[in-house]
Amino acid sequence: MAPATPARRAAEAPTTTRRCSCDPVRGRDAPPASRPRAPATHGRAPARVPVAGRHPPAGRRPPAPPAGNLGTPRETRDTTMPTPPRRPAAPGPALGLWALHDLHLRHYLDYAALLLSPADAPLAVRAAFEELGGHWLDALATASPAACAWQAVRRRVCALAGPRPLGPVAHLTAAQQDVLLLHLVLDLSAAEIAALTGTEPAAVHVQLRSLAAARR
């Protein structure tokens, strides 16, 4: 038998695959590259992430609100303190206007009812005083605010009554017309006419004498 040469021994030797350090490790010894490692918990259960809108687990108390009124629930706030009463508004100048309205309202309505319907008479008086309220301070600066109120009522009533509402007595002055209706028709005394129209009682007597002289 011929001795084996070095080339023959190399050919008959078992082939072994050598791994290069740069090749990736294959087989079951290699850990999966895409599997993330879970954090170590050291024997404790992992913490749960709270989800908004869920109630806390049984046995746990919800976190206490911060101190102060900001975090105090609405139902626990102190409601025993009573609400202070509002201060009454100070009486203004218009208070005297409507006091005059209430004082002579019955006579205003009786006068308006002579020339208007029963439904329109109170509306006319009310509208006259609402108009007068726009310049009531000017009326207070005059010698007789009652005279301003009477003229406002008279003007409003005559405007609503139509053209020539006092036609039969159109030849008389305005003061004579007032005295005629208030005294002879509504049966008011001279003192009542003076208070209603804002004139002096002596002036009312003068108008009454002039009317009596005209009837002769």
Foldseek 3Di string as FASTA:
>chain_A
DDDDDPVRVVVPDDDDDDDDPPDDDDDPVDDDPPDDDDDDPPPDDDDDDDDPPDDDDPPDDDDDFDDDPVRDDPVPDDPPDDDDDDDDDDDDLCVVLVVLCVVCVVVQLVVLVVQDPNVCSVVLLVVLSVVCVVVVVVLVPDPFVLLVSLVSSVVSSVVVSDPPSPVVVVVDDPLLVLLCCCCVPVNDDLVVSCNNNVHDSVVSVVSVVVVVVVVD
